């Protein structure tokens, strides 16, 4: 006789437990904090390293429209 839905559920549950045991336990707070590598030089707000220039320009337009963009983010200044 073939396995029923109960057997499938038990197998799936066992595989999920194995997968969870292999995954690193703990918090991601340190990893998240390490990825905040871009900072506005005016207000010191930090941004994730994958932030696009458009998001940075939006921040500048909304928070610091009277200052120059490159004063807030000098690393984006063209060479």
Protein backbone atom coordinates (compact mmCIF):
# COMPACT_ATOMS: atom_id res chain seq x y z
CA UNK A 1 0.00 0.00 0.00
CA UNK A 2 1.13 3.50 -0.75
CA UNK A 3 1.76 6.25 1.73
CA UNK A 4 -1.10 8.55 2.52
CA UNK A 5 -1.15 12.25 3.19
CA UNK A 6 0.00 11.63 6.76
CA UNK A 7 3.21 10.03 5.55
CA UNK A 8 3.83 12.90 3.14
CA UNK A 9 3.32 15.43 5.91
CA UNK A 10 5.67 13.59 8.24
CA UNK A 11 8.35 13.41 5.54
CA UNK A 12 7.97 17.10 4.75
CA UNK A 13 8.13 18.00 8.44
CA UNK A 14 11.30 15.92 8.89
CA UNK A 15 12.98 17.57 5.90
CA UNK A 16 12.03 21.02 7.18
CA UNK A 17 13.52 20.22 10.59
CA UNK A 18 16.77 19.07 8.97
CA UNK A 19 16.95 22.22 6.90
CA UNK A 20 16.29 24.38 9.96
CA UNK A 21 19.04 22.60 11.87
CA UNK A 22 21.58 23.38 9.14
CA UNK A 23 20.66 27.07 8.99
CA UNK A 24 22.72 29.40 11.19
CA UNK A 25 20.84 30.35 14.30
CA UNK A 26 20.87 33.78 15.85
CA UNK A 27 20.21 37.33 14.97
CA UNK A 28 20.95 39.16 11.73
CA UNK A 29 21.33 42.51 13.48
CA UNK A 30 25.14 42.51 13.20
CA UNK A 31 25.00 41.64 9.50
CA UNK A 32 22.38 44.30 8.86
CA UNK A 33 24.42 46.94 10.71
CA UNK A 34 27.53 46.00 8.74
CA UNK A 35 25.74 46.55 5.44
CA UNK A 36 24.91 50.19 6.31
CA UNK A 37 27.95 51.61 4.55
CA UNK A 38 26.58 54.74 2.83
CA UNK A 39 25.98 57.76 5.04
CA UNK A 40 24.65 61.23 4.34
CA UNK A 41 27.40 63.64 5.42
CA UNK A 42 24.86 66.30 6.44
CA UNK A 43 22.49 64.39 8.75
CA UNK A 44 24.51 61.15 9.07
CA UNK A 45 21.58 58.94 8.10
CA UNK A 46 22.90 55.57 6.95
CA UNK A 47 21.84 53.57 3.91
CA UNK A 48 22.36 49.96 2.87
CA UNK A 49 25.28 49.40 0.51
CA UNK A 50 22.90 48.40 -2.32
CA UNK A 51 21.02 51.71 -2.22
CA UNK A 52 20.62 53.32 -5.64
CA UNK A 53 21.55 56.88 -6.51
CA UNK A 54 17.87 57.63 -7.09
CA UNK A 55 17.04 56.83 -3.46
CA UNK A 56 19.94 58.99 -2.29
CA UNK A 57 18.77 61.86 -4.50
CA UNK A 58 15.24 61.49 -3.09
CA UNK A 59 16.67 61.74 0.42
CA UNK A 60 18.66 64.83 -0.52
CA UNK A 61 15.68 66.52 -2.23
CA UNK A 62 13.39 65.86 0.73
CA UNK A 63 15.80 66.64 3.56
CA UNK A 64 18.54 68.96 2.27
CA UNK A 65 17.33 70.86 -0.82
CA UNK A 66 19.31 73.99 0.10
CA UNK A 67 22.66 72.18 0.18
CA UNK A 68 24.53 70.73 -2.75
CA UNK A 69 23.95 67.02 -3.50
CA UNK A 70 27.65 66.20 -3.47
CA UNK A 71 27.99 67.78 -0.02
CA UNK A 72 25.70 65.04 1.26
CA UNK A 73 27.18 62.20 -0.80
CA UNK A 74 30.72 63.12 -1.92
CA UNK A 75 31.57 59.58 -2.98
CA UNK A 76 29.17 59.98 -5.94
CA UNK A 77 31.01 63.01 -7.32
CA UNK A 78 32.17 62.31 -10.88
CA UNK A 79 35.92 62.13 -11.29
